[in-house]
Amino acid sequence: MTSPALLPMAARGRGIGGIVSWFIRIVIYDICITGIQDALGVSRMAALFIFLGLLALFAFGAYMLRKRMSSEADAEI
């Protein structure tokens, strides 16, 4: 029997491919967090917060870049 958490994924037609993609992401995130933990010599929780902070900075930078590019595109019209 399938888990209720997997039903929306199956309904979108992703099925096994979506599950594999999810596991790959988890492994990549774990490698990044473990790398930060080893490189800086901090606890796993501190490494997680550093990783999340870096992701937030990247997302904010991408948002600002997109906002600037869209306003420049509007100015040219």
Protein backbone atom coordinates (compact mmCIF):
# COMPACT_ATOMS: atom_id res chain seq x y z
CA MET A 1 0.00 0.00 0.00
CA THR A 2 1.31 3.46 -0.86
CA SER A 3 1.85 6.19 1.65
CA PRO A 4 -0.57 9.17 1.52
CA ALA A 5 2.44 11.46 1.15
CA LEU A 6 3.29 9.78 -2.17
CA LEU A 7 -0.20 10.03 -3.65
CA PRO A 8 0.08 13.66 -4.89
CA MET A 9 3.35 12.77 -6.61
CA ALA A 10 1.77 9.76 -8.29
CA ALA A 11 -1.24 11.86 -9.31
CA ARG A 12 1.05 14.26 -11.16
CA GLY A 13 2.52 11.35 -13.10
CA ARG A 14 5.99 11.54 -11.58
CA GLY A 15 5.89 8.22 -9.73
CA ILE A 16 9.23 6.48 -9.25
CA GLY A 17 11.15 9.23 -11.10
CA GLY A 18 9.95 11.80 -8.59
CA ILE A 19 10.95 9.61 -5.67
CA VAL A 20 14.42 9.04 -7.16
CA SER A 21 14.80 12.78 -7.78
CA TRP A 22 13.83 13.48 -4.17
CA PHE A 23 16.41 11.00 -2.85
CA ILE A 24 19.12 12.49 -5.09
CA ARG A 25 18.38 15.96 -3.70
CA ILE A 26 18.53 14.68 -0.14
CA VAL A 27 21.91 13.03 -0.78
CA ILE A 28 23.32 16.20 -2.37
CA TYR A 29 22.11 18.34 0.54
CA ASP A 30 23.59 15.85 3.00
CA ILE A 31 26.95 15.95 1.20
CA CYS A 32 26.93 19.76 1.29
CA ILE A 33 26.05 19.90 4.99
CA THR A 34 28.65 17.25 5.86
CA GLY A 35 31.26 19.15 3.82
CA ILE A 36 30.52 22.38 5.68
CA GLN A 37 30.64 20.51 8.98
CA ASP A 38 34.04 18.98 8.19
CA ALA A 39 35.55 22.12 6.66
CA LEU A 40 34.54 24.50 9.44
CA GLY A 41 34.60 22.05 12.33
CA VAL A 42 31.12 22.99 13.53
CA SER A 43 28.20 20.87 14.69
CA ARG A 44 25.77 19.42 12.18
CA MET A 45 23.05 21.85 13.28
CA ALA A 46 25.36 24.84 12.78
CA ALA A 47 26.34 23.48 9.35
CA LEU A 48 22.66 23.15 8.47
CA PHE A 49 22.00 26.78 9.40
CA ILE A 50 25.05 27.91 7.41
CA PHE A 51 23.80 25.92 4.41
CA LEU A 52 20.29 27.37 4.73
CA GLY A 53 21.77 30.86 5.03
CA LEU A 54 23.77 30.35 1.86
CA LEU A 55 20.64 29.11 0.07
CA ALA A 56 18.72 32.16 1.30
CA LEU A 57 21.47 34.51 0.07
CA PHE A 58 21.49 32.79 -3.32
CA ALA A 59 17.69 33.01 -3.58
CA PHE A 60 17.70 36.70 -2.59
CA GLY A 61 20.45 37.44 -5.12
CA ALA A 62 18.54 35.65 -7.86
CA TYR A 63 15.37 37.55 -6.92
CA MET A 64 17.15 40.90 -7.06
CA LEU A 65 18.77 40.04 -10.40
CA ARG A 66 15.42 38.98 -11.85
CA LYS A 67 13.75 42.14 -10.53
CA ARG A 68 16.47 44.35 -12.02
CA MET A 69 16.38 42.58 -15.38
CA SER A 70 12.59 42.79 -15.62
CA SER A 71 12.60 46.52 -14.87
CA GLU A 72 15.26 47.08 -17.53
CA ALA A 73 13.17 45.11 -20.03
CA ASP A 74 10.11 47.26 -19.21
CA ALA A 75 12.13 50.46 -19.66
CA GLU A 76 13.17 49.46 -23.20
CA ILE A 77 9.59 49.01 -24.41
